[in-house]
Protein backbone atom coordinates (compact mmCIF):
# COMPACT_ATOMS: atom_id res chain seq x y z
CA MET A 1 11.70 18.93 29.92
CA ARG A 2 10.82 15.58 32.25
CA ALA A 3 10.21 12.40 30.10
CA SER A 4 6.70 10.90 31.46
CA THR A 5 7.10 7.98 33.17
CA ILE A 6 5.53 4.48 31.76
CA ALA A 7 2.84 4.97 34.33
CA GLU A 8 2.01 8.29 33.18
CA ARG A 9 1.97 6.95 29.46
CA GLU A 10 -0.52 3.72 30.47
CA ALA A 11 -2.31 6.25 32.30
CA ARG A 12 -3.17 8.61 28.89
CA GLY A 13 -3.64 5.49 27.20
CA ARG A 14 -6.39 4.43 29.39
CA ALA A 15 -7.98 7.87 29.65
CA ALA A 16 -8.31 7.78 25.90
CA ARG A 17 -11.11 5.40 26.83
CA GLU A 18 -13.13 8.02 28.13
CA HIS A 19 -14.12 9.61 25.11
CA SER A 20 -13.66 6.56 22.70
CA LYS A 21 -14.81 3.65 24.67
CA ARG A 22 -13.51 0.37 23.37
CA SER A 23 -17.03 -0.99 22.61
CA SER A 24 -18.05 1.99 20.44
CA HIS A 25 -15.52 0.71 17.96
CA ARG A 26 -18.12 -1.42 16.53
CA THR A 27 -20.42 1.19 14.81
CA VAL A 28 -20.07 2.40 11.44
CA GLY A 29 -21.56 5.54 11.79
CA GLU A 30 -24.41 7.34 10.07
CA LEU A 31 -22.82 6.94 6.57
CA HIS A 32 -24.88 9.91 4.59
CA ARG A 33 -22.80 9.89 1.41
CA ASN A 34 -22.93 9.51 -2.21
CA PRO A 35 -20.18 6.87 -2.62
CA ILE A 36 -20.50 7.73 -6.61
CA GLU A 37 -19.15 11.29 -5.94
CA LEU A 38 -16.32 10.42 -3.86
CA LEU A 39 -14.94 8.03 -6.44
CA LYS A 40 -15.35 10.82 -9.26
CA GLN A 41 -13.68 13.38 -6.80
CA SER A 42 -10.71 10.63 -6.38
CA SER A 43 -10.40 10.10 -10.12
CA GLU A 44 -9.77 13.70 -10.84
CA GLY A 45 -6.10 14.79 -12.24
CA ARG A 46 -5.69 10.92 -13.68
CA VAL A 47 -4.94 9.99 -16.96
CA GLU A 48 -8.33 10.56 -18.27
CA LYS A 49 -8.33 7.15 -20.90
CA LEU A 50 -6.89 5.03 -18.05
CA VAL A 51 -10.10 6.02 -15.48
CA PRO A 52 -12.21 3.16 -16.95
CA LEU A 53 -9.58 0.87 -16.74
CA ARG A 54 -9.44 1.76 -13.14
CA TYR A 55 -13.40 1.45 -12.78
CA GLY A 56 -12.91 -1.97 -14.78
CA ARG A 57 -10.52 -3.52 -12.18
CA MET A 58 -12.55 -2.36 -9.36
CA SER A 59 -15.96 -4.00 -10.87
CA VAL A 60 -14.72 -7.62 -10.64
CA SER A 61 -16.07 -8.24 -7.06
CA PRO A 62 -16.62 -6.22 -3.68
CA PHE A 63 -12.92 -6.77 -2.61
CA THR A 64 -11.40 -5.32 -5.95
CA PHE A 65 -14.08 -2.36 -5.58
CA PHE A 66 -12.67 -2.00 -1.62
CA ARG A 67 -9.37 -1.83 -2.29
CA GLY A 68 -10.00 1.14 -5.04
CA THR A 69 -12.02 2.91 -2.62
CA ALA A 70 -9.45 3.93 0.62
CA ILE A 71 -11.22 7.40 -0.26
CA ILE A 72 -14.83 6.31 0.95
CA GLN A 73 -13.66 4.37 4.01
CA ALA A 74 -11.45 7.46 5.14
CA HIS A 75 -14.57 9.53 4.99
CA ASP A 76 -16.37 7.12 6.64
CA LEU A 77 -13.96 6.79 9.53
CA SER A 78 -13.87 10.49 9.93
CA ARG A 79 -17.73 10.40 10.67
CA VAL A 80 -16.77 8.45 14.15
CA PRO A 81 -15.01 9.51 17.41
CA ASP A 82 -11.45 8.51 17.16
CA THR A 83 -8.95 7.43 20.32
CA GLY A 84 -6.91 10.56 19.89
CA LEU A 85 -3.92 8.16 19.75
CA SER A 86 -2.50 9.62 16.40
CA MET A 87 0.57 8.26 14.65
CA PRO A 88 1.89 7.73 11.49
CA ILE A 89 -0.14 5.41 9.57
CA CYS A 90 -0.37 3.33 6.64
CA GLY A 91 -3.49 4.69 5.53
CA ASP A 92 -4.63 1.81 2.94
CA GLY A 93 -3.65 -1.26 5.03
CA HIS A 94 -5.57 -3.71 3.66
CA LEU A 95 -4.50 -7.22 3.39
CA MET A 96 -3.04 -7.17 0.01
CA ASN A 97 -0.76 -4.21 1.09
CA PHE A 98 1.39 -6.45 2.79
CA GLY A 99 4.57 -8.33 1.11
CA GLY A 100 7.87 -9.62 1.13
CA PHE A 101 10.70 -8.00 -0.24
CA ALA A 102 14.67 -7.80 0.42
CA THR A 103 16.18 -5.47 2.89
CA PRO A 104 19.39 -3.45 1.77
CA GLU A 105 21.19 -6.73 3.66
CA ARG A 106 19.37 -8.74 1.47
CA GLN A 107 17.63 -10.43 3.98
CA LEU A 108 13.97 -11.38 2.98
CA VAL A 109 11.01 -9.83 5.21
CA PHE A 110 7.36 -9.11 5.33
CA ASP A 111 6.09 -5.96 6.01
CA LEU A 112 3.72 -3.61 4.96
CA ASN A 113 4.47 -2.26 1.40
CA ASP A 114 2.00 0.28 0.10
CA PHE A 115 1.96 4.02 1.41
CA ASP A 116 0.25 6.03 -0.82
CA GLU A 117 -2.12 7.23 1.61
CA VAL A 118 0.23 7.29 4.82
CA ALA A 119 -0.06 10.31 6.95
CA THR A 120 -0.74 11.24 10.66
CA GLY A 121 -4.21 9.35 11.68
CA PRO A 122 -5.64 7.49 14.58
CA PHE A 123 -3.98 4.09 14.95
CA GLU A 124 -7.30 2.33 14.93
CA TRP A 125 -7.99 3.36 11.45
CA ASP A 126 -5.44 1.49 10.12
CA LEU A 127 -6.98 -1.88 12.15
CA LYS A 128 -10.26 -0.99 10.62
CA ARG A 129 -9.07 -1.06 6.92
CA LEU A 130 -7.37 -4.29 7.80
CA THR A 131 -10.05 -5.98 9.45
CA ALA A 132 -12.73 -4.91 7.07
CA SER A 133 -10.68 -6.27 4.02
CA LEU A 134 -10.31 -9.65 6.16
CA VAL A 135 -14.31 -9.74 6.13
CA VAL A 136 -14.77 -8.82 2.48
CA ALA A 137 -12.16 -11.04 1.28
CA ALA A 138 -13.73 -13.96 3.19
CA ARG A 139 -16.86 -13.21 1.60
CA HIS A 140 -15.15 -13.15 -1.87
CA MET A 141 -14.05 -16.50 -0.94
CA ARG A 142 -16.92 -17.88 0.08
CA LEU A 143 -16.30 -18.43 3.68
CA SER A 144 -18.85 -18.42 6.45
CA ARG A 145 -19.55 -15.84 8.58
CA GLY A 146 -17.99 -17.48 11.68
CA THR A 147 -14.70 -18.04 9.54
CA ALA A 148 -14.72 -14.27 8.62
CA GLU A 149 -14.99 -13.42 12.51
CA HIS A 150 -12.33 -15.80 13.19
CA LEU A 151 -10.14 -14.16 10.86
CA VAL A 152 -10.76 -10.64 12.37
CA MET A 153 -10.34 -11.86 16.17
CA THR A 154 -7.21 -13.44 14.95
CA ALA A 155 -5.62 -10.21 13.31
CA ALA A 156 -6.74 -8.13 16.20
CA THR A 157 -6.07 -10.08 19.07
CA GLU A 158 -2.28 -10.42 17.64
CA TYR A 159 -2.32 -6.85 17.40
CA ARG A 160 -3.08 -6.68 21.24
CA ASP A 161 -0.45 -9.15 22.07
CA ARG A 162 2.26 -7.75 20.13
CA MET A 163 1.87 -4.44 20.92
CA ALA A 164 1.82 -5.41 24.60
CA GLN A 165 5.33 -7.15 23.96
CA TYR A 166 6.70 -3.96 21.93
CA ALA A 167 5.28 -1.80 25.16
CA GLN A 168 8.36 -3.41 27.01
CA CYS A 169 10.80 -2.99 23.99
CA GLY A 170 13.41 -0.25 24.26
CA ALA A 171 13.55 2.34 21.26
CA LEU A 172 16.37 0.65 19.70
CA GLU A 173 14.92 -2.81 20.10
CA LEU A 174 11.78 -1.51 18.39
CA TRP A 175 13.82 -0.18 15.31
CA TYR A 176 15.98 -3.22 14.62
CA ASP A 177 12.93 -5.37 15.06
CA ARG A 178 12.33 -7.23 11.67
CA ILE A 179 9.81 -10.05 10.55
CA THR A 180 11.91 -12.35 8.32
CA PHE A 181 10.74 -15.11 6.24
CA ASP A 182 13.34 -17.12 8.52
CA LEU A 183 11.25 -16.21 11.47
CA MET A 184 8.20 -16.65 9.93
CA ALA A 185 8.94 -20.48 9.37
CA GLU A 186 10.26 -20.72 12.97
CA THR A 187 7.26 -19.67 14.19
CA ALA A 188 4.55 -21.18 11.73
CA LEU A 189 1.93 -23.45 13.81
CA THR A 190 1.62 -25.87 11.09
CA PRO A 191 3.66 -28.00 8.58
CA GLU A 192 1.84 -26.12 5.77
CA ARG A 193 2.66 -22.82 6.81
CA ARG A 194 6.03 -23.64 6.76
CA ARG A 195 5.96 -25.03 3.43
CA VAL A 196 4.18 -21.83 2.17
CA VAL A 197 6.61 -19.31 3.53
CA ARG A 198 9.92 -21.73 2.02
CA ARG A 199 8.10 -21.82 -1.15
CA GLY A 200 7.93 -17.76 -1.02
CA MET A 201 11.45 -17.66 -0.07
CA GLU A 202 12.36 -19.63 -3.25
CA LYS A 203 10.15 -17.93 -5.67
CA ALA A 204 11.29 -14.25 -4.16
CA ALA A 205 14.89 -15.28 -4.79
CA GLY A 206 13.95 -15.39 -8.62
CA ARG A 207 12.30 -12.07 -8.73
CA THR A 208 15.18 -10.13 -9.68
CA HIS A 209 16.39 -6.88 -11.92
CA GLU A 210 18.16 -9.54 -14.42
CA SER A 211 14.76 -11.77 -14.82
CA LEU A 212 12.37 -8.66 -15.55
CA LEU A 213 15.03 -7.69 -17.86
CA GLU A 214 14.37 -10.97 -19.92
CA LYS A 215 10.89 -10.73 -19.55
CA MET A 216 10.42 -7.02 -20.30
CA ALA A 217 12.85 -5.74 -22.41
CA GLU A 218 14.98 -6.32 -25.81
CA PHE A 219 18.81 -5.15 -27.02
CA ASP A 220 19.03 -3.99 -30.37
CA GLY A 221 23.09 -4.08 -30.34
CA ASN A 222 23.28 -0.64 -28.82
CA ARG A 223 20.79 -0.21 -26.22
CA TRP A 224 17.77 -1.68 -24.27
CA SER A 225 14.38 -1.11 -25.03
CA ILE A 226 11.07 -1.81 -22.98
CA ARG A 227 8.63 -3.39 -25.13
CA ASP A 228 4.75 -2.02 -25.00
CA ALA A 229 2.16 -4.40 -23.64
CA PRO A 230 -0.96 -1.74 -23.64
CA PRO A 231 -2.98 -1.05 -21.78
CA GLY A 232 -0.85 -1.97 -18.70
CA LEU A 233 2.81 -0.66 -20.05
CA PHE A 234 3.21 1.79 -23.06
CA HIS A 235 5.63 4.47 -24.25
CA VAL A 236 4.26 7.79 -23.28
CA HIS A 237 5.38 9.27 -26.85
CA GLY A 238 4.80 5.92 -28.75
CA VAL A 239 2.16 4.54 -31.03
CA ASN A 240 0.25 2.81 -28.33
CA THR A 241 0.36 5.80 -26.24
CA LEU A 242 -2.82 6.19 -23.91
CA PHE A 243 -1.66 10.02 -23.62
CA SER A 244 -4.48 12.82 -25.32
CA ALA A 245 -2.61 14.78 -27.70
CA ASP A 246 -3.06 17.93 -25.41
CA ASP A 247 -1.76 16.22 -22.31
CA ASP A 248 1.49 18.16 -21.04
CA TRP A 249 3.64 15.08 -20.66
CA PHE A 250 2.50 14.29 -24.45
CA THR A 251 3.43 17.42 -25.54
CA THR A 252 7.22 17.20 -24.11
CA ALA A 253 9.44 16.49 -26.77
CA ASN A 254 10.69 12.94 -25.49
CA TRP A 255 11.30 10.69 -22.91
CA SER A 256 15.09 12.08 -21.78
CA LYS A 257 13.45 15.50 -21.43
CA LEU A 258 10.63 14.40 -19.48
CA ILE A 259 12.77 12.81 -17.09
CA GLU A 260 16.25 14.58 -16.71
CA ARG A 261 15.28 17.79 -14.47
CA THR A 262 12.99 15.45 -12.18
CA TRP A 263 15.89 12.66 -12.06
CA SER A 264 18.29 15.65 -11.14
CA GLU A 265 15.98 16.64 -8.14
CA TYR A 266 15.56 13.38 -7.03
CA LEU A 267 19.30 12.66 -6.63
CA LYS A 268 19.27 15.52 -4.35
CA THR A 269 17.19 13.42 -1.68
CA LEU A 270 19.67 10.85 -1.78
CA SER A 271 22.49 10.15 0.51
CA HIS A 272 26.06 10.67 -1.12
CA ASP A 273 26.77 6.70 -1.58
CA ARG A 274 23.30 6.21 -3.20
CA ARG A 275 24.27 8.76 -5.85
CA GLU A 276 27.57 7.35 -6.34
CA LEU A 277 26.26 3.92 -7.17
CA LEU A 278 23.68 5.49 -9.18
CA SER A 279 26.37 7.22 -11.27
CA HIS A 280 27.37 3.67 -12.52
CA PHE A 281 24.26 3.32 -14.26
CA THR A 282 22.91 4.83 -18.10
CA ALA A 283 19.50 5.26 -18.57
CA GLN A 284 18.20 3.15 -21.41
CA ASP A 285 14.31 3.59 -21.80
CA LEU A 286 11.47 5.34 -19.89
CA VAL A 287 7.96 3.51 -20.19
CA PHE A 288 4.31 4.41 -18.68
CA LYS A 289 3.30 1.57 -16.38
CA VAL A 290 -0.61 0.81 -14.81
CA VAL A 291 -0.34 -0.37 -11.34
CA GLY A 292 -2.86 -1.79 -8.97
CA VAL A 293 -6.47 -1.46 -8.98
CA GLY A 294 -6.46 2.24 -6.85
CA SER A 295 -3.62 3.63 -8.29
CA VAL A 296 -4.80 3.22 -12.20
CA GLY A 297 -4.92 6.41 -13.98
CA THR A 298 -2.06 8.13 -11.64
CA ARG A 299 1.03 8.61 -13.37
CA CYS A 300 3.90 5.95 -12.90
CA LEU A 301 6.88 5.50 -15.05
CA VAL A 302 9.69 2.64 -15.12
CA LEU A 303 13.10 3.79 -15.71
CA LEU A 304 15.45 1.25 -17.25
CA ASN A 305 19.23 1.75 -16.48
CA VAL A 306 22.32 -0.73 -17.03
CA ASP A 307 25.76 -0.45 -15.67
CA HIS A 308 28.67 -1.20 -17.56
CA MET A 309 28.57 -4.92 -17.22
CA GLY A 310 25.05 -4.41 -18.82
CA LYS A 311 23.24 -5.26 -15.37
CA PRO A 312 20.14 -3.72 -15.04
CA LEU A 313 18.28 -2.06 -12.54
CA PHE A 314 14.81 -0.78 -12.89
CA ILE A 315 13.44 2.31 -10.94
CA GLN A 316 9.77 3.35 -10.49
CA ILE A 317 8.39 6.67 -10.69
CA LYS A 318 5.45 7.06 -8.83
CA GLU A 319 2.88 9.95 -8.74
CA ALA A 320 2.22 11.12 -5.02
CA ARG A 321 -1.14 12.31 -4.61
CA PRO A 322 -2.62 13.90 -1.50
CA SER A 323 -3.42 11.52 1.20
CA VAL A 324 -7.07 10.72 1.73
CA ILE A 325 -6.40 10.09 5.42
CA ALA A 326 -4.74 13.92 5.35
CA GLN A 327 -8.22 14.91 3.75
CA TYR A 328 -10.22 13.82 6.49
CA TYR A 329 -8.12 13.98 9.63
CA LYS A 330 -6.25 17.25 9.97
CA ALA A 331 -2.81 17.07 11.04
CA PRO A 332 0.51 18.79 10.29
CA SER A 333 1.91 17.65 7.01
CA LEU A 334 4.77 17.99 4.45
CA LYS A 335 4.29 20.17 1.48
CA HIS A 336 5.74 17.72 -0.66
CA GLU A 337 3.81 14.62 -1.40
CA GLY A 338 6.96 12.39 -2.45
CA GLU A 339 8.48 13.27 0.44
CA ARG A 340 5.50 12.76 2.82
CA VAL A 341 5.48 8.76 1.36
CA VAL A 342 9.07 7.93 1.65
CA ARG A 343 9.42 9.47 5.11
CA GLY A 344 6.17 7.62 6.24
CA GLN A 345 7.40 4.33 4.45
CA ARG A 346 11.04 4.75 6.44
CA MET A 347 9.12 5.17 9.83
CA LEU A 348 6.55 2.44 9.35
CA GLN A 349 8.90 -0.23 7.41
CA ALA A 350 11.32 -2.35 9.42
CA ALA A 351 13.91 -1.92 6.08
CA SER A 352 13.60 -0.04 3.17
CA ASP A 353 14.53 0.32 -0.19
CA ILE A 354 18.01 2.04 -0.74
CA PHE A 355 16.78 4.18 -3.97
CA LEU A 356 14.04 5.81 -1.90
CA GLY A 357 13.57 9.41 -2.89
CA TRP A 358 11.44 11.95 -4.25
CA ALA A 359 10.98 15.18 -6.85
CA SER A 360 8.54 17.03 -8.88
CA GLY A 361 7.92 16.21 -12.39
CA PRO A 362 8.05 19.06 -15.49
CA SER A 363 4.37 20.17 -14.49
CA GLY A 364 4.57 20.43 -10.91
CA ARG A 365 3.14 16.66 -9.79
CA HIS A 366 4.79 14.96 -6.95
CA PHE A 367 6.67 11.78 -7.40
CA TYR A 368 8.36 9.39 -5.31
CA PHE A 369 10.96 6.84 -6.75
CA ARG A 370 11.95 3.23 -5.65
CA GLN A 371 13.08 -0.19 -7.14
CA LEU A 372 10.57 -1.59 -9.22
CA ARG A 373 11.59 -5.25 -8.23
CA ASP A 374 13.81 -6.64 -5.96
CA MET A 375 12.61 -10.09 -4.81
CA LYS A 376 9.42 -8.62 -4.42
CA LEU A 377 6.58 -10.95 -3.15
CA SER A 378 2.83 -10.37 -2.59
CA ALA A 379 0.52 -13.47 -1.27
CA ASN A 380 -2.47 -14.83 -3.62
CA ILE A 381 -4.91 -15.42 -0.70
CA GLU A 382 -7.67 -16.90 -3.54
CA LEU A 383 -5.18 -19.85 -3.22
CA PHE A 384 -5.15 -20.25 0.43
CA ASP A 385 -7.63 -22.35 2.72
CA THR A 386 -8.84 -21.46 6.02
CA ASP A 387 -5.75 -22.60 7.80
CA LEU A 388 -3.45 -20.45 5.57
CA LEU A 389 -5.79 -17.48 5.53
CA GLU A 390 -5.50 -17.42 9.62
CA GLY A 391 -2.05 -17.51 9.32
CA TYR A 392 -1.96 -14.95 7.09
CA ALA A 393 -4.20 -12.47 9.27
CA LYS A 394 -1.94 -12.98 12.24
CA LEU A 395 0.88 -12.24 10.30
CA CYS A 396 -0.77 -8.91 9.34
CA GLY A 397 -1.53 -7.96 12.69
CA TRP A 398 1.85 -8.64 13.85
CA ILE A 399 3.19 -6.61 11.27
CA MET A 400 0.93 -3.37 11.54
CA ALA A 401 1.72 -3.58 15.45
CA ARG A 402 5.42 -3.59 14.92
CA ALA A 403 4.94 -0.60 12.25
CA HIS A 404 2.85 1.43 14.97
CA ALA A 405 4.96 0.58 17.72
CA LYS A 406 8.05 1.87 15.78
CA ALA A 407 6.70 4.99 13.84
CA SER A 408 5.12 6.26 16.88
CA GLY A 409 6.91 5.26 20.01
CA GLN A 410 3.69 5.07 21.76
CA ALA A 411 3.46 1.13 22.14
CA ILE A 412 2.83 1.75 25.61
CA GLU A 413 0.06 4.06 25.32
CA VAL A 414 -1.80 1.96 22.42
CA SER A 415 -1.61 -1.37 24.57
CA ALA A 416 -2.99 0.25 27.91
CA TYR A 417 -5.92 1.81 25.93
CA ILE A 418 -6.38 -2.03 24.17
CA GLY A 419 -6.05 -3.59 27.29
CA ARG A 420 -5.42 -7.63 27.82
CA GLY A 421 -9.09 -8.44 27.28
CA ASP A 422 -11.24 -9.35 24.06
CA GLN A 423 -13.26 -6.27 24.25
CA PHE A 424 -11.53 -4.26 21.73
CA ALA A 425 -10.93 -6.94 19.43
CA GLU A 426 -14.56 -8.05 19.68
CA SER A 427 -15.51 -4.46 18.72
CA LEU A 428 -13.33 -4.68 15.61
CA THR A 429 -14.86 -8.07 14.41
CA GLY A 430 -18.70 -6.24 14.53
CA TYR A 431 -17.24 -3.25 12.79
CA ALA A 432 -15.42 -5.27 10.21
CA THR A 433 -18.99 -7.23 9.51
CA ASN A 434 -21.08 -4.39 9.66
CA TYR A 435 -18.61 -2.37 7.32
CA ALA A 436 -18.36 -5.17 5.10
CA ASP A 437 -22.09 -5.03 4.47
CA GLN A 438 -21.64 -1.25 3.65
CA VAL A 439 -19.33 -2.25 1.19
CA GLU A 440 -21.47 -4.68 -0.75
CA ARG A 441 -24.07 -1.94 -0.75
CA ASP A 442 -21.71 0.66 -2.30
CA TYR A 443 -20.57 -1.85 -4.72
CA ASP A 444 -24.12 -2.43 -5.81
CA VAL A 445 -24.77 1.48 -5.98
CA PHE A 446 -21.12 1.58 -8.19
CA LEU A 447 -22.21 -1.23 -10.46
CA LYS A 448 -25.41 0.77 -11.21
CA ALA A 449 -23.54 3.61 -12.19
CA CYS A 450 -21.20 1.56 -14.37
CA ARG A 451 -24.54 0.30 -16.22
CA SER A 452 -25.96 3.03 -16.57
CA GLY A 453 -23.10 4.92 -18.43
CA GLU A 454 -22.48 7.41 -15.55
CA LEU A 455 -19.47 5.74 -15.20
CA GLU A 456 -17.27 4.15 -17.82
CA ALA A 457 -15.96 0.64 -17.00
CA ARG A 458 -13.46 -0.98 -19.46
CA THR A 459 -11.70 -4.59 -18.71
CA ASP A 460 -8.16 -5.03 -19.69
CA GLU A 461 -8.85 -7.35 -21.98
CA ASP A 462 -11.39 -4.78 -23.70
CA MET A 463 -8.38 -2.13 -23.73
CA ALA A 464 -5.94 -4.57 -25.01
CA ALA A 465 -8.41 -5.58 -28.18
CA ASP A 466 -8.09 -1.63 -29.05
CA PHE A 467 -4.38 -2.27 -29.91
CA ARG A 468 -4.89 -5.68 -31.87
CA VAL A 469 -4.20 -5.39 -35.56
């Protein structure tokens, strides 16, 4: 089979403009839908007593609401024409789903870090999720409309410029490209940005399994056990459980029975050397962990292991539910949702956790495995001034371009579609502003549903009070 020439690939990218003009990306489309019904749909199958906590965390602001409503935006994006330039996309690439972590070689990199919704989809869906999040966050921080629009233009033009650079790269160059904290410090435009990067490196160095053990667990002279901190952390079969008595997990005799077969299946998805490494660890305890905003109520476990020296390894076992992207963009997909997450993460990230794997639970639910904490770091954007936020928006645009270029091999086509001018970026700016307006309208509908009792919303503090003597 003859390989396409660069000119032919550029022509394909430009041809995509015929059915999806760059100016068309400004529109959010006709949004005749009930956001509450979509939310209820996304809450099906979650731990029942945790659904009110999900809504409680979403109710804090339009920004937290936006973080928990990937399903709504995926629905809305499917109602407007797309470019047809499809590839593995993150599916939920809002600005809080980027972060720092250590590579297997112990380099500290910044990259996408959430792949629950990863699937095949149009490249611009990721950009629209990111740019809308920038405007919603800017409004939450009470920044001006002009500042919000500048943030979107910054991210979108950085994506354009980096994609143009990646279009000149060979396959191996793309595969080995990494955005390290050292590189971020070197390319930072202001002293304050360099200072924040260096401070982040110092902070990440202290986020180890050992430091987590001291905070989360206690030793009784024989084995380690993780301390309950409900509602966020509790033992499935313990006194602080939030599982109903008839839940299939609760009726399983004990935690070792709950995890035994799943662990064996997970090991089969790892390479031989990783299995050998894990054989040096012994399981100590297993707890349920409530994570994030949109994921609250999905099943997530933390398994504490220690080696012969008493050194800990925390493994997170997280439920992988069907992707909202796959729900609204039809493309060939894997049967196992955990495998979908792992494969997508490996394709999009520059480097991935050595313990990534997948398995099915005792009741057939799908899960993926990863380290809970390995020099992981996230940005606290509410502490950023406009200069830092601009630098962060630029970084997100760069990371997304690298991820798309590596995962798809279509940097030439995407770059040709976008072109060299500002038309695409300006259209995304219009979209992000318009969609942020829609998010605020949906948020008002959501709050009314919570106040009327149609949805029950509870805060972490409110639920924690249930466990106090």
